N, C-alpha and C. Protein backbone atom coordinates (compact mmCIF):
# COMPACT_ATOMS: atom_id res chain seq x y z
N MET A 1 0.76 -1.30 0.08
CA MET A 1 0.03 -0.01 0.02
C MET A 1 0.86 1.40 -0.17
N ASN A 2 0.87 1.98 -0.97
CA ASN A 2 1.41 3.36 -1.04
C ASN A 2 0.55 4.43 -0.19
N GLY A 3 1.42 5.26 0.55
CA GLY A 3 0.83 6.34 1.36
C GLY A 3 1.77 7.42 1.42
N LEU A 4 1.20 8.57 2.36
CA LEU A 4 2.44 9.66 2.57
C LEU A 4 2.08 10.14 4.12
N ASN A 5 3.06 10.13 4.75
CA ASN A 5 2.84 10.08 6.20
C ASN A 5 4.14 11.44 6.59
N ARG A 6 3.53 12.93 6.21
CA ARG A 6 4.80 13.66 6.32
C ARG A 6 3.67 15.11 6.65
N ALA A 7 4.34 15.67 7.55
CA ALA A 7 3.94 17.20 7.99
C ALA A 7 4.97 17.96 7.86
N TYR A 8 4.64 19.38 7.19
CA TYR A 8 5.62 20.25 6.81
C TYR A 8 5.28 21.50 7.80
N PHE A 9 6.35 22.17 8.45
CA PHE A 9 5.98 23.33 9.22
C PHE A 9 6.85 24.36 9.03
N ILE A 10 6.67 25.62 9.11
CA ILE A 10 7.44 26.89 8.90
C ILE A 10 7.01 27.64 10.20
N GLY A 11 7.97 27.78 11.03
CA GLY A 11 7.75 28.76 12.02
C GLY A 11 8.79 29.13 12.99
N ASN A 12 8.73 29.66 14.02
CA ASN A 12 9.79 30.21 14.82
C ASN A 12 10.01 29.45 16.19
N LEU A 13 11.17 29.10 16.45
CA LEU A 13 11.47 28.23 17.83
C LEU A 13 11.05 29.28 18.94
N GLY A 14 10.28 28.62 19.99
CA GLY A 14 9.85 29.04 21.15
C GLY A 14 10.73 29.43 22.18
N ARG A 15 11.60 28.27 21.97
CA ARG A 15 12.84 28.30 23.18
C ARG A 15 14.01 27.78 22.53
N ASP A 16 15.16 27.63 23.42
CA ASP A 16 16.36 27.02 22.86
C ASP A 16 15.94 25.32 22.95
N PRO A 17 16.77 24.51 22.13
CA PRO A 17 16.48 23.27 21.91
C PRO A 17 16.86 22.57 23.47
N GLU A 18 15.87 21.32 23.70
CA GLU A 18 16.26 20.68 24.92
C GLU A 18 16.71 19.43 24.36
N THR A 19 17.67 19.00 25.43
CA THR A 19 18.50 17.78 24.83
C THR A 19 18.33 16.57 25.95
N ARG A 20 18.44 15.47 25.44
CA ARG A 20 18.86 14.22 26.12
C ARG A 20 19.51 13.15 25.52
N THR A 21 20.10 12.16 26.27
CA THR A 21 20.51 11.07 25.35
C THR A 21 19.84 9.80 25.92
N THR A 22 19.71 8.92 24.83
CA THR A 22 19.35 7.41 25.10
C THR A 22 20.26 6.75 25.73
N ARG A 23 19.97 5.43 26.19
CA ARG A 23 20.74 4.61 26.95
C ARG A 23 21.90 4.10 25.91
N ASN A 24 21.60 4.36 24.43
CA ASN A 24 22.69 4.10 23.70
C ASN A 24 23.65 5.14 23.35
N ASP A 25 23.50 6.17 23.93
CA ASP A 25 24.28 7.63 23.83
C ASP A 25 23.89 8.44 22.52
N SER A 26 22.84 8.10 22.05
CA SER A 26 22.21 8.75 20.93
C SER A 26 21.85 10.19 21.31
N VAL A 27 21.85 11.05 20.61
CA VAL A 27 21.27 12.41 21.07
C VAL A 27 19.94 12.43 20.41
N VAL A 28 18.86 13.22 21.44
CA VAL A 28 17.64 13.43 21.18
C VAL A 28 17.41 14.85 21.58
N VAL A 29 16.90 15.56 20.65
CA VAL A 29 16.65 16.86 20.74
C VAL A 29 15.26 17.20 20.50
N SER A 30 14.34 18.12 21.52
CA SER A 30 13.16 18.44 21.22
C SER A 30 12.96 20.14 21.22
N VAL A 31 12.15 20.42 20.28
CA VAL A 31 12.03 21.93 20.13
C VAL A 31 10.54 22.27 20.09
N THR A 32 10.33 23.47 20.46
CA THR A 32 8.71 24.03 20.05
C THR A 32 8.74 24.88 19.37
N LEU A 33 7.96 24.78 17.92
CA LEU A 33 7.78 25.50 17.03
C LEU A 33 6.44 26.31 16.88
N ALA A 34 6.78 27.53 16.83
CA ALA A 34 5.25 28.47 16.65
C ALA A 34 4.92 28.53 15.49
N THR A 35 3.78 28.44 14.97
CA THR A 35 3.22 28.70 13.30
C THR A 35 2.18 29.59 13.66
N PRO A 36 2.09 30.38 12.34
CA PRO A 36 0.95 31.56 12.65
C PRO A 36 -0.36 30.66 12.53
N HIS A 37 -1.34 31.43 13.32
CA HIS A 37 -2.60 31.16 13.00
C HIS A 37 -3.53 32.39 13.05
N VAL A 38 -4.03 32.59 12.31
CA VAL A 38 -5.12 33.74 12.29
C VAL A 38 -6.62 33.73 12.49
N ARG A 39 -7.32 34.18 13.26
CA ARG A 39 -8.56 33.86 13.53
C ARG A 39 -9.25 35.13 13.70
N LYS A 40 -10.65 35.16 13.63
CA LYS A 40 -11.45 36.33 13.88
C LYS A 40 -12.10 36.31 15.24
N ASP A 41 -11.89 37.51 15.87
CA ASP A 41 -12.39 37.86 17.28
C ASP A 41 -13.24 38.97 17.15
N GLY A 42 -14.32 38.82 16.92
CA GLY A 42 -15.51 39.86 16.75
C GLY A 42 -15.21 40.69 15.42
N ASP A 43 -14.91 41.72 15.16
CA ASP A 43 -14.59 42.39 13.96
C ASP A 43 -12.96 42.38 13.65
N ASN A 44 -12.33 41.92 14.69
CA ASN A 44 -10.99 42.07 14.32
C ASN A 44 -10.19 40.68 14.11
N TRP A 45 -9.04 40.62 13.34
CA TRP A 45 -8.42 39.25 13.12
C TRP A 45 -7.32 39.34 14.02
N VAL A 46 -7.09 38.23 14.65
CA VAL A 46 -6.20 38.10 15.68
C VAL A 46 -5.12 37.13 15.38
N ASP A 47 -3.94 37.37 15.48
CA ASP A 47 -2.80 36.41 15.44
C ASP A 47 -2.46 35.81 16.42
N THR A 48 -2.72 34.22 16.69
CA THR A 48 -2.41 33.57 17.62
C THR A 48 -1.45 32.23 17.15
N PRO A 49 -0.40 31.97 17.72
CA PRO A 49 0.44 31.06 17.36
C PRO A 49 -0.24 29.53 17.82
N ASP A 50 -0.01 28.61 16.86
CA ASP A 50 -0.10 27.14 17.17
C ASP A 50 1.27 26.57 17.42
N TRP A 51 1.37 25.84 18.47
CA TRP A 51 2.64 25.56 19.11
C TRP A 51 2.75 23.88 18.94
N HIS A 52 3.98 23.54 18.27
CA HIS A 52 4.38 22.08 18.02
C HIS A 52 5.39 21.73 18.48
N ARG A 53 5.38 20.64 19.30
CA ARG A 53 6.46 19.84 19.86
C ARG A 53 7.18 18.85 18.89
N ILE A 54 8.53 19.16 18.45
CA ILE A 54 9.06 18.39 17.49
C ILE A 54 10.26 17.61 18.16
N THR A 55 10.52 16.44 17.72
CA THR A 55 11.80 15.82 18.18
C THR A 55 12.59 15.14 16.87
N ALA A 56 13.96 15.44 17.21
CA ALA A 56 15.01 14.80 16.28
C ALA A 56 15.77 13.85 16.70
N PHE A 57 16.32 12.90 16.13
CA PHE A 57 17.29 12.02 16.62
C PHE A 57 18.63 12.27 15.79
N GLY A 58 19.93 11.67 16.35
CA GLY A 58 20.98 11.52 15.52
C GLY A 58 21.77 12.57 15.41
N LYS A 59 22.15 12.45 13.79
CA LYS A 59 23.02 13.84 13.34
C LYS A 59 22.04 15.04 13.14
N THR A 60 20.86 15.06 12.91
CA THR A 60 19.75 15.89 12.76
C THR A 60 19.57 16.58 14.14
N ALA A 61 19.42 15.96 15.07
CA ALA A 61 19.47 16.43 16.58
C ALA A 61 20.73 16.95 17.00
N GLU A 62 21.89 16.53 16.34
CA GLU A 62 23.24 17.28 16.66
C GLU A 62 23.13 18.65 16.20
N ASN A 63 22.81 18.56 14.90
CA ASN A 63 22.80 19.96 14.11
C ASN A 63 21.94 21.00 14.58
N ILE A 64 20.66 20.61 15.13
CA ILE A 64 19.58 21.30 15.68
C ILE A 64 20.25 22.00 16.95
N LEU A 65 20.83 21.03 17.55
CA LEU A 65 21.35 21.59 18.94
C LEU A 65 22.52 22.69 18.72
N ARG A 66 23.38 22.33 17.83
CA ARG A 66 24.52 23.13 17.66
C ARG A 66 23.91 24.48 16.91
N ASN A 67 22.90 24.56 16.04
CA ASN A 67 22.56 25.88 15.47
C ASN A 67 21.20 26.53 15.72
N ALA A 68 20.50 25.77 16.58
CA ALA A 68 18.93 26.54 16.64
C ALA A 68 18.96 27.21 17.99
N HIS A 69 18.54 28.54 17.85
CA HIS A 69 18.21 29.18 19.07
C HIS A 69 17.01 29.81 19.23
N LYS A 70 16.43 30.15 20.15
CA LYS A 70 15.13 30.90 20.40
C LYS A 70 14.91 31.84 19.32
N GLY A 71 13.69 31.94 18.68
CA GLY A 71 13.44 32.90 17.97
C GLY A 71 13.82 32.71 16.36
N ASP A 72 14.92 31.72 15.90
CA ASP A 72 15.02 31.29 14.83
C ASP A 72 13.69 30.85 13.90
N THR A 73 13.74 31.02 12.73
CA THR A 73 12.79 30.68 11.67
C THR A 73 13.24 29.25 11.00
N MET A 74 12.39 28.34 10.91
CA MET A 74 13.00 27.16 10.20
C MET A 74 11.94 26.59 9.74
N ALA A 75 11.97 25.82 8.59
CA ALA A 75 10.87 24.69 8.05
C ALA A 75 11.41 23.48 8.41
N VAL A 76 10.51 22.62 8.77
CA VAL A 76 11.00 21.22 8.92
C VAL A 76 9.99 20.21 8.52
N GLU A 77 10.49 19.11 8.02
CA GLU A 77 9.69 18.08 7.32
C GLU A 77 9.67 17.15 8.32
N CYS A 78 8.64 16.56 8.77
CA CYS A 78 8.40 15.58 10.02
C CYS A 78 7.70 14.45 9.69
N VAL A 79 7.75 13.21 10.43
CA VAL A 79 6.94 12.01 10.15
C VAL A 79 6.06 12.02 11.45
N VAL A 80 4.81 11.70 11.19
CA VAL A 80 3.94 11.67 12.04
C VAL A 80 3.61 10.39 12.79
N ARG A 81 3.73 10.19 14.02
CA ARG A 81 3.51 8.94 14.47
C ARG A 81 2.52 9.29 15.74
N PRO A 82 1.34 8.40 15.38
CA PRO A 82 0.19 8.50 16.65
C PRO A 82 0.65 7.62 17.55
N ASN A 83 0.18 8.08 18.98
CA ASN A 83 0.54 7.35 20.16
C ASN A 83 -0.80 7.24 20.86
N ARG A 84 -0.82 5.88 21.39
CA ARG A 84 -2.11 5.84 22.27
C ARG A 84 -1.71 5.02 23.58
N TRP A 85 -2.12 5.21 24.63
CA TRP A 85 -1.71 4.80 25.96
C TRP A 85 -3.16 4.71 26.99
N THR A 86 -2.84 4.20 28.10
CA THR A 86 -3.95 4.15 29.05
C THR A 86 -3.36 4.85 30.36
N ASP A 87 -4.01 5.93 30.85
CA ASP A 87 -3.31 6.67 31.88
C ASP A 87 -3.80 5.91 33.26
N LYS A 88 -3.39 6.46 34.35
CA LYS A 88 -3.57 6.02 35.52
C LYS A 88 -5.13 5.57 36.16
N GLU A 89 -5.77 6.49 35.70
CA GLU A 89 -7.59 6.27 35.71
C GLU A 89 -8.08 5.30 34.87
N GLY A 90 -7.48 4.64 34.04
CA GLY A 90 -8.02 3.70 33.03
C GLY A 90 -8.34 4.46 31.71
N GLN A 91 -8.22 5.80 31.39
CA GLN A 91 -8.83 6.31 30.28
C GLN A 91 -7.79 6.33 29.07
N THR A 92 -8.19 5.87 27.82
CA THR A 92 -7.43 5.81 26.82
C THR A 92 -7.13 7.24 26.33
N ARG A 93 -5.81 7.49 26.17
CA ARG A 93 -5.31 9.02 25.60
C ARG A 93 -4.67 8.84 24.54
N TYR A 94 -4.51 10.01 23.73
CA TYR A 94 -3.89 9.89 22.35
C TYR A 94 -3.28 11.05 22.37
N ASP A 95 -2.05 11.05 21.59
CA ASP A 95 -0.98 12.07 21.38
C ASP A 95 -0.47 11.83 19.93
N VAL A 96 0.31 12.77 19.54
CA VAL A 96 0.82 12.73 17.96
C VAL A 96 2.08 13.19 18.21
N ASN A 97 3.24 12.20 17.90
CA ASN A 97 4.48 12.65 17.90
C ASN A 97 5.11 12.98 16.27
N LEU A 98 5.93 14.10 16.67
CA LEU A 98 6.45 14.58 15.39
C LEU A 98 7.90 14.53 15.18
N TYR A 99 8.56 13.58 14.31
CA TYR A 99 9.85 13.31 14.30
C TYR A 99 10.54 14.03 12.89
N VAL A 100 11.37 14.83 13.21
CA VAL A 100 12.22 15.58 12.40
C VAL A 100 12.89 14.66 11.36
N GLU A 101 12.75 14.98 10.10
CA GLU A 101 13.63 14.06 9.07
C GLU A 101 14.74 15.21 8.30
N ARG A 102 14.05 16.38 8.11
CA ARG A 102 14.86 17.45 7.53
C ARG A 102 14.58 18.99 8.14
N VAL A 103 15.52 19.67 7.98
CA VAL A 103 15.39 20.84 8.38
C VAL A 103 15.94 21.98 7.30
N LEU A 104 15.24 23.03 7.17
CA LEU A 104 15.85 23.94 6.22
C LEU A 104 15.63 25.53 7.31
N TRP A 105 16.84 25.95 7.55
CA TRP A 105 17.16 27.12 8.01
C TRP A 105 16.73 28.17 7.30
N ILE A 106 15.77 29.12 7.86
CA ILE A 106 15.21 30.13 6.95
C ILE A 106 15.83 31.26 7.37
N SER A 107 16.13 31.64 8.68
CA SER A 107 16.74 32.78 9.23
C SER A 107 17.17 32.72 10.86
N ARG A 108 18.03 33.17 11.28
CA ARG A 108 18.71 33.07 12.58
C ARG A 108 18.80 34.52 13.13
N LYS A 109 18.06 34.43 14.50
CA LYS A 109 18.11 35.45 15.21
C LYS A 109 19.48 35.92 15.74
N ARG A 110 20.03 35.05 16.38
CA ARG A 110 21.27 35.16 17.05
C ARG A 110 22.25 33.72 17.14
N GLY A 111 23.18 33.93 17.01
CA GLY A 111 24.04 32.74 16.90
C GLY A 111 24.57 32.52 18.50
N ALA A 112 25.31 31.10 18.60
CA ALA A 112 25.79 30.99 19.99
C ALA A 112 26.83 32.04 20.44
N THR A 113 27.46 32.80 19.57
CA THR A 113 28.37 33.99 19.88
C THR A 113 27.67 35.16 20.32
N GLY A 114 26.19 35.34 19.87
CA GLY A 114 25.58 36.58 19.95
C GLY A 114 25.60 37.51 18.97
N VAL A 115 26.13 36.99 17.91
CA VAL A 115 26.06 37.81 16.43
C VAL A 115 24.91 37.60 15.65
N ALA A 116 24.34 38.19 15.18
CA ALA A 116 23.17 37.98 14.18
C ALA A 116 23.99 37.15 13.17
N ALA A 117 23.19 36.17 12.71
CA ALA A 117 23.64 35.14 11.78
C ALA A 117 22.89 35.46 10.31
N ALA A 118 23.36 35.04 9.36
CA ALA A 118 22.95 34.95 7.98
C ALA A 118 21.46 34.85 7.72
N ALA A 119 20.91 35.48 7.18
CA ALA A 119 19.37 35.00 6.81
C ALA A 119 19.30 33.99 5.70
N ALA A 120 20.04 33.83 5.18
CA ALA A 120 20.18 32.96 3.78
C ALA A 120 19.92 31.22 4.23
N PRO A 121 18.75 30.76 3.53
CA PRO A 121 18.55 29.44 3.76
C PRO A 121 19.83 28.45 3.92
N SER A 122 19.68 27.41 4.79
CA SER A 122 20.50 26.40 4.61
C SER A 122 19.95 25.09 4.92
N VAL A 123 20.74 23.94 4.68
CA VAL A 123 19.82 22.63 4.61
C VAL A 123 20.49 21.82 5.71
N SER A 124 19.70 21.00 6.57
CA SER A 124 20.00 19.95 7.56
C SER A 124 19.53 18.68 7.08
N GLU A 125 20.29 17.86 6.50
CA GLU A 125 19.58 16.58 6.04
C GLU A 125 19.66 15.64 7.28
N GLY A 126 18.21 14.89 7.38
CA GLY A 126 18.33 13.75 8.44
C GLY A 126 18.13 12.50 7.74
N SER A 127 18.36 12.42 6.49
CA SER A 127 18.43 11.41 5.53
C SER A 127 19.22 11.30 4.55
N ALA A 128 19.69 10.59 3.85
CA ALA A 128 20.68 10.28 2.66
C ALA A 128 20.08 11.29 1.61
N SER A 129 18.66 11.60 1.35
CA SER A 129 18.42 12.24 0.07
C SER A 129 17.98 13.53 0.47
N VAL A 130 17.86 14.52 -0.45
CA VAL A 130 17.38 16.00 0.01
C VAL A 130 16.40 16.10 -1.02
N SER A 131 15.28 16.72 -0.49
CA SER A 131 14.07 17.18 -1.12
C SER A 131 14.61 17.93 -2.34
N GLU A 132 13.69 18.27 -3.57
CA GLU A 132 13.89 19.05 -4.60
C GLU A 132 14.00 20.54 -4.21
N GLY A 133 13.05 20.94 -3.36
CA GLY A 133 13.00 22.30 -2.67
C GLY A 133 14.24 22.60 -1.96
N ALA A 134 14.80 21.47 -1.09
CA ALA A 134 15.96 21.71 -0.68
C ALA A 134 17.26 21.96 -1.64
N GLU A 135 17.15 21.21 -2.48
CA GLU A 135 18.25 21.28 -3.35
C GLU A 135 18.46 22.68 -4.00
N GLU A 136 17.25 23.24 -4.01
CA GLU A 136 16.91 24.76 -4.78
C GLU A 136 17.49 25.78 -3.52
N ALA A 137 17.31 25.38 -2.40
CA ALA A 137 17.57 26.27 -1.50
C ALA A 137 19.22 26.24 -1.26
N VAL A 138 19.68 25.18 -1.38
CA VAL A 138 21.37 25.09 -1.29
C VAL A 138 21.81 25.70 -2.61
N ASP A 139 21.13 25.72 -3.79
CA ASP A 139 21.56 26.47 -5.03
C ASP A 139 21.50 27.93 -4.76
N ALA A 140 20.47 28.33 -3.98
CA ALA A 140 20.24 29.77 -3.89
C ALA A 140 21.21 30.16 -2.72
N VAL A 141 21.66 29.28 -1.71
CA VAL A 141 22.74 29.92 -0.83
C VAL A 141 24.05 29.81 -1.55
N GLU A 142 24.24 29.14 -2.23
CA GLU A 142 25.59 29.19 -2.97
C GLU A 142 25.76 30.26 -3.95
N LEU A 143 24.59 30.66 -4.53
CA LEU A 143 24.59 31.83 -5.49
C LEU A 143 24.70 33.08 -4.47
N GLN A 144 24.15 33.06 -3.44
CA GLN A 144 24.03 34.34 -2.83
C GLN A 144 25.71 34.68 -2.42
N GLU A 145 26.19 33.46 -1.70
CA GLU A 145 27.67 33.46 -1.38
C GLU A 145 28.50 33.91 -2.38
N GLN A 146 28.20 33.63 -3.87
CA GLN A 146 29.16 34.31 -4.81
C GLN A 146 28.56 35.51 -5.23
N GLY A 147 27.77 36.25 -4.49
CA GLY A 147 27.35 37.51 -4.73
C GLY A 147 26.32 37.88 -5.60
N GLY A 148 25.44 36.83 -6.17
CA GLY A 148 24.54 36.79 -7.01
C GLY A 148 23.06 36.80 -6.50
N GLU A 149 22.04 37.13 -7.41
CA GLU A 149 20.74 37.41 -6.97
C GLU A 149 20.15 36.18 -7.03
N THR A 150 19.05 35.81 -6.03
CA THR A 150 18.20 34.69 -6.22
C THR A 150 16.82 35.21 -6.20
N GLU A 151 15.89 34.36 -6.99
CA GLU A 151 14.43 34.47 -7.19
C GLU A 151 13.81 34.71 -5.83
N ALA A 152 14.16 33.70 -5.03
CA ALA A 152 13.32 33.53 -3.60
C ALA A 152 13.50 34.75 -2.70
N GLY A 153 14.82 35.28 -2.74
CA GLY A 153 14.93 36.67 -1.84
C GLY A 153 15.57 35.91 -0.53
N GLY A 154 16.06 36.87 0.44
CA GLY A 154 16.60 36.43 1.71
C GLY A 154 15.72 35.37 2.52
N ASP A 155 14.36 35.86 2.99
CA ASP A 155 13.51 35.27 3.88
C ASP A 155 12.70 34.34 3.18
N GLU A 156 12.56 34.12 1.91
CA GLU A 156 11.34 33.18 1.30
C GLU A 156 12.01 31.84 1.00
N LEU A 157 11.18 30.69 1.23
CA LEU A 157 11.49 29.61 0.92
C LEU A 157 11.58 29.32 -0.75
N PRO A 158 12.19 28.62 -1.13
CA PRO A 158 12.60 28.53 -2.89
C PRO A 158 11.46 27.24 -3.40
N PHE A 159 10.62 26.84 -2.69
CA PHE A 159 9.85 26.06 -2.95
C PHE A 159 8.31 26.14 -2.61
């Protein structure tokens, strides 16, 4: 059976990444990503963020831990894994886990040194292949580094 189990988010980090290690000493990183949600409140439109807790493992987790800071804007491709369990009162509970496969850095507020980082997109791979849009982002970054113009501009995704 063919299917698709992916979720894509573009948003800002709500805080610095949280890290832990597994029994096998693998790095696991969790971040909270805020995505915009506009709703009508009476006669006014109100911007309220939706918050998503996402988790990364291995090299992708190490890259996020090394590079991500509160306020950074990034795009992530996640695998969605539903979770079901029974709580102490015997109630069945449901949750959805979002596991990062790829990261596209859109802009960074401040790096570890406190210096504002470049706004050009960069790609962090969570697997061996890079999506077509990510390849275009890498091309755009290389073109910007060479002093050329890009179609996407500094803050827009190329896909």
